[in-house]
Amino acid sequence: MIRQQTRVDQFLERFETIGNSISFYLLLLVIGLGIWILTPLAPEWKPDARAFGLAALILAGLTMIHGALWFVLTRDSFRLPKRVRAVLATAIRFLRPLHFMTGLVALGIVLIHAYAFLKSDYVWDRFSITGLIAMIILFILAIDGIGLIASPLLSRIVHRWIALGFVIALAVHLWMVL
């Protein structure tokens, strides 16, 4: 039997649609900003790399909340009451567009963070290598996430493994830097 859509379902459906649109435009903005920074028309500015790194870390943490809730909800080993599972499912639906938006903004901030180090006395050391590895995995994660939005044929399991790889690479980078 098909159940009637409640007001909450209608709100979440609209929120997801609007959130996906905002995420797409944020992606275009990040790509445009990256292209603009690399052109000779960009001003000679050197952003504070630590501030942008901290901002990217905060946004990545917000993005990871979605993954943590999804992990708890999809595990059969966690015995949760139906009411709690329903609340978690609603929270995940609410967090999904925020997951897209904060993830793409974090990607843009990571690019500015990397650009700041390229403009300074840049050397290949353990800090830059671990940061580069984390950034490459983040690019792959973003491309896979965009693919998940556009295609039902991609696997969410692969996306989770890429996300786990990014979390590990980010933890190693932070351990080296801090």
Protein backbone atom coordinates (compact mmCIF):
# COMPACT_ATOMS: atom_id res chain seq x y z
CA MET A 1 0.00 0.00 0.00
CA ILE A 2 1.31 3.44 -0.91
CA ARG A 3 1.20 5.90 1.93
CA GLN A 4 0.27 9.55 1.55
CA GLN A 5 3.09 12.09 1.54
CA THR A 6 3.17 14.10 4.74
CA ARG A 7 4.14 17.75 4.99
CA VAL A 8 7.55 16.69 6.28
CA ASP A 9 8.07 14.47 3.23
CA GLN A 10 7.04 17.31 0.92
CA PHE A 11 9.35 19.74 2.72
CA LEU A 12 12.29 17.32 2.57
CA GLU A 13 11.69 16.61 -1.12
CA ARG A 14 11.68 20.34 -1.89
CA PHE A 15 14.71 20.91 0.35
CA GLU A 16 16.62 18.14 -1.46
CA THR A 17 15.77 19.60 -4.86
CA ILE A 18 16.80 23.12 -3.86
CA GLY A 19 19.90 21.81 -2.09
CA ASN A 20 20.99 19.86 -5.16
CA SER A 21 20.61 22.99 -7.28
CA ILE A 22 22.62 25.07 -4.82
CA SER A 23 25.29 22.36 -4.77
CA PHE A 24 25.52 22.42 -8.55
CA TYR A 25 25.94 26.20 -8.62
CA LEU A 26 28.53 26.01 -5.83
CA LEU A 27 30.43 23.50 -7.94
CA LEU A 28 30.36 25.87 -10.90
CA LEU A 29 31.50 28.70 -8.61
CA VAL A 30 34.40 26.61 -7.29
CA ILE A 31 35.49 25.67 -10.81
CA GLY A 32 35.21 29.29 -11.94
CA LEU A 33 37.17 30.54 -8.93
CA GLY A 34 39.89 27.96 -9.56
CA ILE A 35 40.20 28.97 -13.20
CA TRP A 36 40.18 32.67 -12.29
CA ILE A 37 42.92 32.25 -9.66
CA LEU A 38 45.18 30.58 -12.21
CA THR A 39 44.77 33.32 -14.83
CA PRO A 40 46.95 36.42 -15.01
CA LEU A 41 43.83 38.53 -14.33
CA ALA A 42 43.68 37.40 -10.70
CA PRO A 43 45.10 39.80 -8.13
CA GLU A 44 48.36 38.95 -6.42
CA TRP A 45 46.97 37.91 -3.09
CA LYS A 46 48.23 35.33 -0.69
CA PRO A 47 45.44 33.86 1.42
CA ASP A 48 46.21 32.65 4.92
CA ALA A 49 46.75 28.93 4.41
CA ARG A 50 46.11 27.98 8.03
CA ALA A 51 42.80 29.81 8.17
CA PHE A 52 41.60 28.18 4.95
CA GLY A 53 42.84 24.79 6.16
CA LEU A 54 40.88 25.18 9.41
CA ALA A 55 37.76 26.27 7.52
CA ALA A 56 38.08 23.26 5.21
CA LEU A 57 38.47 20.97 8.22
CA ILE A 58 35.30 22.37 9.84
CA LEU A 59 33.30 21.96 6.62
CA ALA A 60 34.67 18.45 6.11
CA GLY A 61 33.57 17.61 9.66
CA LEU A 62 30.05 18.87 8.93
CA THR A 63 30.04 16.79 5.76
CA MET A 64 31.11 13.69 7.68
CA ILE A 65 28.04 13.89 9.95
CA HIS A 66 25.94 12.63 7.04
CA GLY A 67 28.24 9.64 6.58
CA ALA A 68 28.27 8.84 10.29
CA LEU A 69 24.47 8.86 10.48
CA TRP A 70 24.26 6.74 7.34
CA PHE A 71 26.73 4.25 8.87
CA VAL A 72 24.67 3.94 12.07
CA LEU A 73 21.41 3.57 10.16
CA THR A 74 22.61 0.89 7.73
CA ARG A 75 24.24 -1.41 10.31
CA ASP A 76 22.15 -4.34 11.41
CA SER A 77 24.41 -4.82 14.41
CA PHE A 78 22.97 -1.64 15.97
CA ARG A 79 19.61 -2.59 17.45
CA LEU A 80 17.63 0.63 17.21
CA PRO A 81 13.91 1.10 17.85
CA LYS A 82 11.79 1.86 14.79
CA ARG A 83 11.15 5.39 16.04
CA VAL A 84 14.89 6.13 16.30
CA ARG A 85 15.50 4.65 12.85
CA ALA A 86 12.74 6.87 11.44
CA VAL A 87 14.26 9.97 13.06
CA LEU A 88 17.71 9.04 11.70
CA ALA A 89 16.28 8.46 8.22
CA THR A 90 14.62 11.89 8.30
CA ALA A 91 17.84 13.48 9.57
CA ILE A 92 19.79 11.87 6.73
CA ARG A 93 17.30 13.18 4.17
CA PHE A 94 17.67 16.64 5.71
CA LEU A 95 21.48 16.44 5.82
CA ARG A 96 21.97 15.12 2.27
CA PRO A 97 21.77 18.54 0.52
CA LEU A 98 23.88 20.06 3.29
CA HIS A 99 26.33 17.21 2.72
CA PHE A 100 26.61 18.17 -0.95
CA MET A 101 26.92 21.88 -0.25
CA THR A 102 29.47 21.71 2.56
CA GLY A 103 31.47 19.11 0.64
CA LEU A 104 31.75 21.30 -2.44
CA VAL A 105 32.55 24.43 -0.45
CA ALA A 106 35.19 22.43 1.46
CA LEU A 107 36.66 21.35 -1.88
CA GLY A 108 36.91 24.98 -2.97
CA ILE A 109 38.49 26.01 0.30
CA VAL A 110 40.98 23.13 0.03
CA LEU A 111 41.96 24.45 -3.40
CA ILE A 112 42.55 27.92 -1.94
CA HIS A 113 44.46 26.31 0.96
CA ALA A 114 46.70 24.48 -1.53
CA TYR A 115 47.07 27.62 -3.65
CA ALA A 116 48.29 29.55 -0.60
CA PHE A 117 51.07 27.05 -0.08
CA LEU A 118 51.97 27.14 -3.76
CA LYS A 119 52.38 30.92 -3.52
CA SER A 120 54.65 30.64 -0.47
CA ASP A 121 58.03 28.94 -0.17
CA TYR A 122 56.82 25.64 -1.54
CA VAL A 123 58.91 22.50 -1.07
CA TRP A 124 58.10 18.83 -1.39
CA ASP A 125 58.07 17.56 2.16
CA ARG A 126 55.85 15.27 4.20
CA PHE A 127 53.29 18.05 4.77
CA SER A 128 52.79 18.81 1.10
CA ILE A 129 52.82 15.15 0.04
CA THR A 130 50.19 14.09 2.58
CA GLY A 131 48.11 17.16 1.71
CA LEU A 132 48.37 16.36 -2.00
CA ILE A 133 47.27 12.77 -1.40
CA ALA A 134 44.29 13.93 0.68
CA MET A 135 43.36 16.51 -1.97
CA ILE A 136 43.51 13.96 -4.80
CA ILE A 137 41.29 11.57 -2.82
CA LEU A 138 38.93 14.49 -2.12
CA PHE A 139 38.72 15.22 -5.87
CA ILE A 140 37.91 11.57 -6.55
CA LEU A 141 35.33 11.62 -3.74
CA ALA A 142 33.69 14.77 -5.15
CA ILE A 143 33.57 13.38 -8.68
CA ASP A 144 32.11 10.11 -7.38
CA GLY A 145 29.56 12.03 -5.29
CA ILE A 146 28.48 14.09 -8.30
CA GLY A 147 28.20 10.85 -10.24
CA LEU A 148 25.97 9.40 -7.52
CA ILE A 149 23.64 12.37 -7.88
CA ALA A 150 23.47 11.99 -11.65
CA SER A 151 23.51 8.21 -12.11
CA PRO A 152 21.78 5.39 -10.26
CA LEU A 153 24.36 2.97 -11.65
CA LEU A 154 27.22 4.02 -9.37
CA SER A 155 27.80 2.27 -6.07
CA ARG A 156 27.38 3.97 -2.72
CA ILE A 157 29.66 1.32 -1.22
CA VAL A 158 32.54 2.57 -3.39
CA HIS A 159 31.73 6.13 -2.30
CA ARG A 160 31.94 5.05 1.34
CA TRP A 161 35.34 3.41 0.80
CA ILE A 162 36.65 6.51 -0.96
CA ALA A 163 35.32 8.61 1.93
CA LEU A 164 37.09 6.34 4.42
CA GLY A 165 40.30 6.72 2.41
CA PHE A 166 39.89 10.50 2.52
CA VAL A 167 39.32 10.50 6.28
CA ILE A 168 42.48 8.42 6.77
CA ALA A 169 44.52 10.65 4.43
CA LEU A 170 43.19 13.77 6.17
CA ALA A 171 44.01 12.32 9.60
CA VAL A 172 47.57 11.53 8.47
CA HIS A 173 47.95 15.02 7.00
CA LEU A 174 46.68 16.64 10.21
CA TRP A 175 48.90 14.40 12.33
CA MET A 176 51.92 15.51 10.27
CA VAL A 177 51.00 19.20 10.30
CA LEU A 178 49.86 19.50 13.89
